[in-house]
Amino acid sequence: MKLNRTSFSAAAVLLASVALPGISHATVTVLGWPGGSEETALRATVEAYNAQSGIADADKVELLFFNRDGFFDKLQADMAAGSDAFDVNLVATYSIGRYAPYMEPVDLGADASKVFGESVLKTMQFDGKQYGVPTDLSLHFMYYRKDLVDALMQDDAAKKKYAEIAKEHLGKDLQPKDPDSWTWDDWAATTLYFSKQVNSESPVRYGTVLQMKNLLFNMMVFQSLPRSYGADWTDQDGNVAVDSDAYKTGLELYKKLYDAGASPKDSLSYEYAETNAAFGSGQAATALQWNAAAADLTNTEKTPVVAAVTGIVAPPAGPNGRADHIHGLGLGLNKNAKNKEGAVKFLKWLATEEAALLYAQSGGSPALAPDVAAKVAKERPDLIKLGEFASQYGYVMNGATSANALSVYELQAKEFTGYWAGQQSLEDALAHTKTGMQDLLKK
């Protein structure tokens, strides 16, 4: 159905009038992400901003929200039509390229890098310009069973069996290690050791749970593996580099583990929920999963089987060190804003330590620099690892904020899943992906 480009503006104006009762004269209108912790945190932060004595009535903020279903398409259509129904709008790492033509870059000030770190600020950048304040971040944790790994490392017979499996399946001489020191080979050997199909004495059925469904978000989980081997979407000259040895290594390792039975056979249909369910049931030793899962997997009421024995570390290292895919939600400046001065003032304040801490305390998930995150460690211990991993290992692929970024992920999901499922060769999968990406990433 063709989108009515005026419908979003009309709905926005209507919702603006009821979003925050009592602020009828606000002239900075902010379009936020509706529902969940993001809305709760934004409402609390805006309330605090408006309560400041130094904020003139003309610069106070009013919030409006719209249904999540079709949100990004509706927002793009509305912005392309020149809407001025909002001054500040939501933006996501993988959609910045779509909205950049209708937005203006914003200078957040020198202290913003001290609050978030440069790698996190990059999640809101396009063509080297800052288009937003990062408010909520997503990345990946390596979840593992502390009880299983501890038992392995204390058992000489088990360590001998581990070494034999590593040599047979990976062709390498390896010994069990602390998970925080794992390379991808160490992780692979561990997953094989804890797989019944490989080691009949394993205390659990699977060594890991791979998210291999033909789904764009699964590519974000996977790509930290090849990234740690030096992979990128394009090289410094803008040439598509997906057919690199780094991508081949990552794709082949996933397939090796899947074919060996280290992950459930129906992993080709797995995404976030299935991975949580499998690991939470106690049937897997490890899982590379989104940070959002930590709240459930370490909760004794929600996952009593593994909550007390679940450890969390950053993804394993490759020759280029550790790498952790990051993307975020943020807020930026509408080019057609009615009150640009007031909007910029709000965005700059949102990038301060005061505002970031308030947003975190109100339920949001900002990635904060370690010294800043330490100030809310008691209330939000999960943000410590989120901030540390984002600052130390976070990356955004070249082209991953372009207008067709989501289409690139969709292309990769189709071709890579086809390879893992045995429907095409590795060479064909990479060739098809490269050709498609060359078209999608054209300037």
Protein backbone atom coordinates (compact mmCIF):
# COMPACT_ATOMS: atom_id res chain seq x y z
CA MET A 1 0.00 0.00 0.00
CA LYS A 2 1.31 3.43 -0.88
CA LEU A 3 2.15 5.51 2.18
CA ASN A 4 0.23 8.73 2.73
CA ARG A 5 3.04 11.14 3.45
CA THR A 6 0.83 13.55 5.35
CA SER A 7 -0.49 10.95 7.79
CA PHE A 8 2.61 10.83 9.96
CA SER A 9 2.74 14.59 10.42
CA ALA A 10 -0.92 14.73 11.30
CA ALA A 11 -0.60 11.91 13.81
CA ALA A 12 2.55 13.48 15.20
CA VAL A 13 0.84 16.79 15.84
CA LEU A 14 -2.05 15.00 17.55
CA LEU A 15 0.21 12.89 19.75
CA ALA A 16 2.38 15.87 20.60
CA SER A 17 -0.57 17.55 22.23
CA VAL A 18 -1.08 14.67 24.65
CA ALA A 19 2.44 13.28 25.14
CA LEU A 20 3.39 15.42 28.12
CA PRO A 21 0.40 17.23 29.61
CA GLY A 22 1.21 20.57 31.17
CA ILE A 23 3.85 21.66 28.63
CA SER A 24 1.51 23.33 26.19
CA HIS A 25 3.96 26.10 25.30
CA ALA A 26 6.95 23.86 24.54
CA THR A 27 8.56 24.68 21.22
CA VAL A 28 11.20 21.95 20.93
CA THR A 29 9.35 18.89 19.75
CA VAL A 30 11.16 15.55 20.05
CA LEU A 31 10.05 12.43 18.18
CA GLY A 32 11.06 9.44 20.33
CA TRP A 33 11.11 5.65 20.05
CA PRO A 34 7.80 4.42 21.44
CA GLY A 35 7.43 1.78 24.12
CA GLY A 36 9.84 -0.04 26.39
CA SER A 37 12.72 1.32 28.40
CA GLU A 38 13.65 3.86 25.73
CA GLU A 39 10.39 5.77 26.13
CA THR A 40 10.48 5.56 29.92
CA ALA A 41 14.04 6.87 30.09
CA LEU A 42 13.41 9.66 27.58
CA ARG A 43 10.33 10.87 29.42
CA ALA A 44 12.21 11.04 32.73
CA THR A 45 15.17 12.82 31.14
CA VAL A 46 13.00 15.39 29.38
CA GLU A 47 11.10 16.06 32.59
CA ALA A 48 14.40 16.83 34.35
CA TYR A 49 15.56 19.04 31.47
CA ASN A 50 12.38 21.10 31.51
CA ALA A 51 12.59 21.52 35.29
CA GLN A 52 15.92 23.33 35.10
CA SER A 53 15.74 26.99 36.05
CA GLY A 54 17.90 28.05 33.11
CA ILE A 55 15.59 26.66 30.43
CA ALA A 56 13.29 29.29 28.95
CA ASP A 57 9.68 28.34 28.30
CA ALA A 58 10.32 28.81 24.59
CA ASP A 59 13.00 26.09 24.67
CA LYS A 60 11.28 23.47 26.79
CA VAL A 61 10.81 20.04 25.24
CA GLU A 62 7.64 18.25 24.29
CA LEU A 63 7.60 14.57 23.33
CA LEU A 64 5.64 12.73 20.68
CA PHE A 65 5.59 9.06 19.75
CA PHE A 66 4.28 6.92 16.94
CA ASN A 67 3.63 3.20 16.49
CA ARG A 68 6.79 1.09 16.06
CA ASP A 69 5.26 -0.79 13.16
CA GLY A 70 6.61 0.84 10.02
CA PHE A 71 8.17 3.62 12.07
CA PHE A 72 11.33 4.10 10.00
CA ASP A 73 9.57 4.07 6.62
CA LYS A 74 6.98 6.56 7.85
CA LEU A 75 9.67 8.79 9.32
CA GLN A 76 11.65 8.83 6.07
CA ALA A 77 8.56 9.66 4.02
CA ASP A 78 7.61 12.46 6.40
CA MET A 79 11.10 13.97 6.45
CA ALA A 80 11.38 13.74 2.67
CA ALA A 81 8.14 15.68 2.45
CA GLY A 82 9.73 18.47 4.50
CA SER A 83 7.78 17.95 7.70
CA ASP A 84 8.40 20.43 10.53
CA ALA A 85 6.12 18.62 13.00
CA PHE A 86 9.22 17.75 15.06
CA ASP A 87 12.54 19.46 15.69
CA VAL A 88 14.45 16.41 16.92
CA ASN A 89 13.93 12.90 15.56
CA LEU A 90 14.95 9.35 16.33
CA VAL A 91 17.82 7.90 14.31
CA ALA A 92 19.48 4.47 14.32
CA THR A 93 22.99 3.49 13.26
CA TYR A 94 21.76 1.40 10.35
CA SER A 95 19.35 4.10 9.12
CA ILE A 96 21.42 7.28 9.37
CA GLY A 97 22.19 7.19 5.66
CA ARG A 98 18.47 7.21 4.86
CA TYR A 99 17.80 10.30 6.95
CA ALA A 100 21.02 12.30 6.56
CA PRO A 101 19.70 14.26 3.54
CA TYR A 102 16.87 15.56 5.72
CA MET A 103 18.92 16.25 8.85
CA GLU A 104 21.66 18.63 9.93
CA PRO A 105 24.87 17.54 11.66
CA VAL A 106 25.21 18.72 15.25
CA ASP A 107 28.26 19.64 17.31
CA LEU A 108 27.85 17.92 20.67
CA GLY A 109 30.87 19.60 22.25
CA ALA A 110 34.28 18.28 23.27
CA ASP A 111 33.02 16.61 26.45
CA ALA A 112 30.75 14.20 24.56
CA SER A 113 33.69 11.91 23.81
CA LYS A 114 34.50 11.79 27.52
CA VAL A 115 30.96 10.70 28.30
CA PHE A 116 30.51 8.07 25.58
CA GLY A 117 33.88 7.41 23.94
CA GLU A 118 34.74 7.85 20.27
CA SER A 119 33.59 4.37 19.17
CA VAL A 120 30.11 4.98 20.55
CA LEU A 121 29.84 8.44 19.01
CA LYS A 122 30.64 6.83 15.65
CA THR A 123 27.39 4.89 15.81
CA MET A 124 25.67 8.23 15.13
CA GLN A 125 28.02 9.41 12.37
CA PHE A 126 27.69 9.46 8.60
CA ASP A 127 30.33 10.66 6.14
CA GLY A 128 32.42 11.80 9.09
CA LYS A 129 29.71 14.06 10.53
CA GLN A 130 27.84 13.68 13.82
CA TYR A 131 24.11 13.31 13.24
CA GLY A 132 22.92 12.43 16.70
CA VAL A 133 23.39 11.80 20.40
CA PRO A 134 23.70 8.07 21.18
CA THR A 135 21.05 7.16 23.74
CA ASP A 136 20.77 3.35 23.68
CA LEU A 137 23.35 0.83 22.51
CA SER A 138 23.27 -2.81 21.48
CA LEU A 139 26.27 -5.13 21.24
CA HIS A 140 27.08 -8.77 21.99
CA PHE A 141 28.22 -10.74 25.02
CA MET A 142 29.75 -14.20 25.03
CA TYR A 143 27.69 -16.09 27.61
CA TYR A 144 29.20 -19.26 29.04
CA ARG A 145 28.61 -21.81 31.76
CA LYS A 146 31.07 -21.08 34.57
CA ASP A 147 30.41 -24.40 36.27
CA LEU A 148 31.19 -26.41 33.14
CA VAL A 149 34.34 -24.50 32.24
CA ASP A 150 35.65 -24.59 35.82
CA ALA A 151 35.13 -28.35 36.00
CA LEU A 152 36.91 -28.84 32.67
CA MET A 153 39.95 -26.84 33.75
CA GLN A 154 40.31 -28.82 36.99
CA ASP A 155 40.09 -32.28 35.39
CA ASP A 156 43.27 -33.66 33.79
CA ALA A 157 41.43 -36.40 31.91
CA ALA A 158 38.95 -33.87 30.55
CA LYS A 159 41.77 -31.55 29.45
CA LYS A 160 43.38 -34.43 27.60
CA LYS A 161 40.11 -35.19 25.82
CA TYR A 162 39.74 -31.49 24.97
CA ALA A 163 43.20 -31.41 23.39
CA GLU A 164 42.44 -34.52 21.32
CA ILE A 165 39.21 -33.01 20.02
CA ALA A 166 40.92 -29.72 19.15
CA LYS A 167 43.62 -31.54 17.22
CA GLU A 168 41.20 -33.79 15.36
CA HIS A 169 38.64 -31.16 14.36
CA LEU A 170 40.67 -27.96 14.20
CA GLY A 171 44.16 -29.30 13.54
CA LYS A 172 45.55 -27.28 16.45
CA ASP A 173 47.22 -28.01 19.77
CA LEU A 174 45.00 -26.29 22.32
CA GLN A 175 44.36 -26.46 26.05
CA PRO A 176 41.34 -25.14 27.97
CA LYS A 177 41.55 -21.45 28.92
CA ASP A 178 39.74 -18.86 30.96
CA PRO A 179 36.93 -17.62 28.63
CA ASP A 180 38.13 -14.04 28.96
CA SER A 181 41.30 -15.16 27.16
CA TRP A 182 39.61 -17.15 24.40
CA THR A 183 40.49 -16.83 20.76
CA TRP A 184 37.87 -18.02 18.30
CA ASP A 185 39.80 -21.29 18.04
CA ASP A 186 39.60 -21.72 21.82
CA TRP A 187 35.88 -21.08 21.72
CA ALA A 188 35.43 -23.53 18.83
CA ALA A 189 37.38 -26.24 20.66
CA THR A 190 35.28 -25.63 23.77
CA THR A 191 32.02 -25.89 21.83
CA LEU A 192 33.14 -29.13 20.24
CA TYR A 193 34.19 -30.60 23.58
CA PHE A 194 30.79 -29.79 25.10
CA SER A 195 28.82 -31.35 22.22
CA LYS A 196 27.39 -34.85 22.67
CA GLN A 197 27.79 -35.62 18.98
CA VAL A 198 31.55 -35.02 19.31
CA ASN A 199 32.12 -35.97 22.94
CA SER A 200 29.68 -38.54 24.29
CA GLU A 201 30.80 -37.70 27.84
CA SER A 202 29.76 -34.05 27.61
CA PRO A 203 27.44 -32.98 30.45
CA VAL A 204 25.32 -30.93 28.01
CA ARG A 205 24.02 -31.61 24.49
CA TYR A 206 25.52 -28.64 22.67
CA GLY A 207 28.62 -26.52 22.90
CA THR A 208 26.91 -23.42 21.56
CA VAL A 209 23.77 -22.02 19.95
CA LEU A 210 24.38 -20.39 16.58
CA GLN A 211 21.91 -17.85 15.21
CA MET A 212 21.85 -18.89 11.55
CA LYS A 213 18.36 -17.95 10.37
CA ASN A 214 18.07 -15.88 7.19
CA LEU A 215 17.67 -12.68 9.22
CA LEU A 216 19.62 -9.43 8.94
CA PHE A 217 20.17 -9.09 12.71
CA ASN A 218 21.89 -12.49 12.79
CA MET A 219 24.54 -11.07 10.47
CA MET A 220 25.34 -8.48 13.12
CA VAL A 221 25.95 -11.28 15.62
CA PHE A 222 28.10 -13.25 13.19
CA GLN A 223 30.26 -10.50 11.73
CA SER A 224 32.35 -9.85 14.85
CA LEU A 225 34.09 -13.15 14.09
CA PRO A 226 35.42 -12.15 10.64
CA ARG A 227 35.93 -8.59 11.88
CA SER A 228 38.46 -9.84 14.43
CA TYR A 229 40.36 -11.31 11.47
CA GLY A 230 40.41 -7.92 9.74
CA ALA A 231 37.15 -8.00 7.76
CA ASP A 232 35.28 -4.91 6.61
CA TRP A 233 32.52 -4.21 4.09
CA THR A 234 34.76 -2.01 1.97
CA ASP A 235 38.47 -1.21 1.90
CA GLN A 236 40.00 2.27 2.12
CA ASP A 237 39.39 2.84 -1.59
CA GLY A 238 35.71 1.98 -1.30
CA ASN A 239 35.99 -1.46 -2.92
CA VAL A 240 33.70 -4.18 -1.55
CA ALA A 241 35.88 -6.56 0.48
CA VAL A 242 33.43 -9.25 1.55
CA ASP A 243 35.28 -11.95 -0.44
CA SER A 244 38.26 -11.70 1.93
CA ASP A 245 40.05 -14.47 3.79
CA ALA A 246 38.62 -13.01 7.00
CA TYR A 247 35.03 -13.60 5.89
CA LYS A 248 35.92 -17.04 4.55
CA THR A 249 37.44 -18.01 7.91
CA GLY A 250 34.35 -16.92 9.84
CA LEU A 251 31.86 -18.55 7.50
CA GLU A 252 33.78 -21.81 7.42
CA LEU A 253 34.08 -21.95 11.21
CA TYR A 254 30.34 -21.54 11.69
CA LYS A 255 29.66 -24.29 9.16
CA LYS A 256 32.26 -26.60 10.71
CA LEU A 257 30.62 -26.28 14.13
CA TYR A 258 27.12 -26.66 12.72
CA ASP A 259 28.02 -29.74 10.67
CA ALA A 260 29.77 -31.29 13.69
CA GLY A 261 26.66 -30.96 15.82
CA ALA A 262 28.04 -28.31 18.16
CA SER A 263 24.82 -26.32 17.64
CA PRO A 264 21.26 -27.69 17.30
CA LYS A 265 20.34 -28.91 13.82
CA ASP A 266 17.47 -26.45 13.63
CA SER A 267 19.87 -23.54 14.21
CA LEU A 268 19.16 -22.51 10.63
CA SER A 269 15.85 -21.18 11.99
CA TYR A 270 17.33 -19.65 15.16
CA GLU A 271 17.46 -16.01 16.18
CA TYR A 272 17.36 -14.14 19.52
CA ALA A 273 14.48 -15.97 21.22
CA GLU A 274 15.58 -19.48 20.29
CA THR A 275 19.14 -18.83 21.44
CA ASN A 276 17.91 -17.57 24.80
CA ALA A 277 15.63 -20.56 25.20
CA ALA A 278 18.32 -23.11 24.36
CA PHE A 279 20.99 -21.60 26.58
CA GLY A 280 18.51 -20.85 29.36
CA SER A 281 17.36 -24.47 29.42
CA GLY A 282 20.86 -25.60 30.37
CA GLN A 283 21.46 -27.51 27.14
CA ALA A 284 24.35 -25.39 25.81
CA ALA A 285 27.75 -24.40 27.18
CA THR A 286 28.12 -21.06 25.34
CA ALA A 287 26.14 -18.55 23.32
CA LEU A 288 27.14 -15.41 21.44
CA GLN A 289 24.09 -13.27 22.09
CA TRP A 290 22.84 -9.66 22.37
CA ASN A 291 23.56 -7.81 25.61
CA ALA A 292 19.82 -7.42 26.17
CA ALA A 293 19.67 -11.12 27.04
CA ALA A 294 21.74 -10.61 30.19
CA ALA A 295 18.73 -9.45 32.19
CA ASP A 296 16.97 -12.78 31.54
CA LEU A 297 19.89 -15.21 31.50
CA THR A 298 21.17 -14.02 34.88
CA ASN A 299 17.72 -13.80 36.48
CA THR A 300 17.05 -16.69 38.88
CA GLU A 301 13.29 -16.39 38.40
CA LYS A 302 13.33 -16.35 34.60
CA THR A 303 16.15 -18.85 33.97
CA PRO A 304 16.71 -20.73 37.24
CA VAL A 305 18.72 -23.49 35.55
CA VAL A 306 21.63 -21.28 34.46
CA ALA A 307 21.25 -17.86 36.11
CA ALA A 308 23.71 -18.49 38.94
CA VAL A 309 26.35 -20.11 36.71
CA THR A 310 26.25 -17.82 33.67
CA GLY A 311 29.44 -15.88 32.99
CA ILE A 312 29.80 -12.96 30.59
CA VAL A 313 32.86 -11.88 28.61
CA ALA A 314 33.47 -10.01 25.36
CA PRO A 315 33.51 -11.99 22.08
CA PRO A 316 36.71 -14.02 21.51
CA ALA A 317 39.78 -12.59 19.83
CA GLY A 318 41.14 -13.07 16.34
CA PRO A 319 44.52 -12.04 14.92
CA ASN A 320 43.32 -8.42 15.01
CA GLY A 321 42.12 -8.64 18.60
CA ARG A 322 38.56 -8.61 19.88
CA ALA A 323 35.70 -7.00 17.97
CA ASP A 324 32.14 -6.31 19.10
CA HIS A 325 29.45 -5.08 16.69
CA ILE A 326 27.70 -2.02 18.05
CA HIS A 327 24.71 -0.08 16.88
CA GLY A 328 22.53 2.36 18.66
CA LEU A 329 19.47 4.51 18.81
CA GLY A 330 19.88 8.24 19.16
CA LEU A 331 18.34 11.66 18.59
CA GLY A 332 19.30 14.18 15.91
CA LEU A 333 18.27 17.47 14.32
CA ASN A 334 15.56 17.72 11.65
CA LYS A 335 16.71 20.04 8.84
CA ASN A 336 13.22 21.58 8.80
CA ALA A 337 13.06 22.13 12.55
CA LYS A 338 11.09 25.21 13.61
CA ASN A 339 13.28 25.80 16.66
CA LYS A 340 16.79 24.73 15.68
CA GLU A 341 18.48 26.79 18.38
CA GLY A 342 16.41 25.23 21.13
CA ALA A 343 16.78 21.77 19.62
CA VAL A 344 20.59 22.03 19.49
CA LYS A 345 20.63 23.26 23.08
CA PHE A 346 18.68 20.16 24.15
CA LEU A 347 20.85 17.77 22.13
CA LYS A 348 24.05 19.22 23.58
CA TRP A 349 22.65 18.82 27.10
CA LEU A 350 21.61 15.25 26.29
CA ALA A 351 25.29 14.52 25.52
CA THR A 352 26.47 15.68 28.97
CA GLU A 353 27.40 13.37 31.80
CA GLU A 354 24.49 14.65 33.89
CA ALA A 355 21.93 13.74 31.25
CA ALA A 356 23.55 10.41 30.34
CA LEU A 357 23.57 9.26 33.97
CA LEU A 358 19.96 10.31 34.43
CA TYR A 359 18.97 8.44 31.27
CA ALA A 360 20.73 5.31 32.57
CA GLN A 361 19.16 5.56 36.01
CA SER A 362 15.76 5.86 34.34
CA GLY A 363 16.11 2.53 32.52
CA GLY A 364 17.88 3.44 29.27
CA SER A 365 20.94 1.61 27.97
CA PRO A 366 23.55 4.20 27.04
CA ALA A 367 27.10 2.99 26.46
CA LEU A 368 29.11 5.13 28.84
CA ALA A 369 32.85 5.58 29.22
CA PRO A 370 34.13 3.38 32.09
CA ASP A 371 34.66 6.20 34.58
CA VAL A 372 31.16 7.52 33.90
CA ALA A 373 29.49 4.09 34.01
CA ALA A 374 31.15 3.47 37.40
CA LYS A 375 28.89 6.15 38.86
CA VAL A 376 25.79 4.03 38.24
CA ALA A 377 27.41 0.61 38.74
CA LYS A 378 25.30 -0.23 41.77
CA GLU A 379 21.98 0.46 40.04
CA ARG A 380 23.03 -0.72 36.57
CA PRO A 381 25.88 -3.27 36.74
CA ASP A 382 25.13 -4.37 33.16
CA LEU A 383 26.20 -0.97 31.87
CA ILE A 384 29.74 -1.52 33.14
CA LYS A 385 30.39 -4.31 30.63
CA LEU A 386 28.34 -2.53 27.97
CA GLY A 387 30.51 0.56 28.26
CA GLU A 388 33.79 -1.34 28.56
CA PHE A 389 33.15 -3.56 25.56
CA ALA A 390 31.85 -0.70 23.42
CA SER A 391 34.86 1.48 24.23
CA GLN A 392 37.48 -1.24 23.84
CA TYR A 393 36.09 -3.46 21.09
CA GLY A 394 33.18 -1.64 19.45
CA TYR A 395 33.18 -1.12 15.68
CA VAL A 396 30.93 -0.04 12.82
CA MET A 397 31.64 -1.54 9.39
CA ASN A 398 32.47 0.83 6.52
CA GLY A 399 29.12 1.47 4.86
CA ALA A 400 27.05 0.24 7.81
CA THR A 401 25.43 3.67 8.25
CA SER A 402 24.67 4.09 4.55
CA ALA A 403 21.19 4.40 3.09
CA ASN A 404 21.22 0.73 2.05
CA ALA A 405 22.86 -0.73 5.16
CA LEU A 406 19.85 -2.85 6.10
CA SER A 407 19.66 -4.18 2.56
CA VAL A 408 23.31 -5.23 2.79
CA TYR A 409 22.60 -7.19 5.96
CA GLU A 410 19.57 -8.80 4.30
CA LEU A 411 21.69 -9.81 1.30
CA GLN A 412 24.37 -11.32 3.51
CA ALA A 413 21.77 -13.21 5.53
CA LYS A 414 20.31 -14.78 2.40
CA GLU A 415 23.64 -15.80 0.89
CA PHE A 416 25.44 -16.85 4.08
CA THR A 417 22.53 -18.91 5.37
CA GLY A 418 22.40 -20.58 1.96
CA TYR A 419 26.04 -21.61 2.38
CA TRP A 420 25.58 -22.86 5.94
CA ALA A 421 22.55 -24.86 4.83
CA GLY A 422 24.59 -26.52 2.06
CA GLN A 423 22.53 -24.92 -0.71
CA GLN A 424 25.53 -23.25 -2.37
CA SER A 425 29.31 -23.21 -2.16
CA LEU A 426 31.31 -20.71 -0.16
CA GLU A 427 32.70 -19.23 -3.37
CA ASP A 428 29.22 -18.71 -4.84
CA ALA A 429 27.88 -17.22 -1.60
CA LEU A 430 30.69 -14.67 -1.46
CA ALA A 431 30.50 -13.89 -5.18
CA HIS A 432 26.75 -13.24 -5.00
CA THR A 433 27.20 -11.13 -1.88
CA LYS A 434 29.98 -9.07 -3.43
CA THR A 435 28.01 -8.35 -6.58
CA GLY A 436 24.96 -7.33 -4.58
CA MET A 437 26.94 -5.15 -2.20
CA GLN A 438 28.68 -3.37 -5.08
CA ASP A 439 25.28 -2.28 -6.30
CA LEU A 440 23.90 -1.40 -2.88
CA LEU A 441 26.93 0.60 -1.74
CA LYS A 442 27.32 2.71 -4.87
CA LYS A 443 27.79 6.38 -4.00
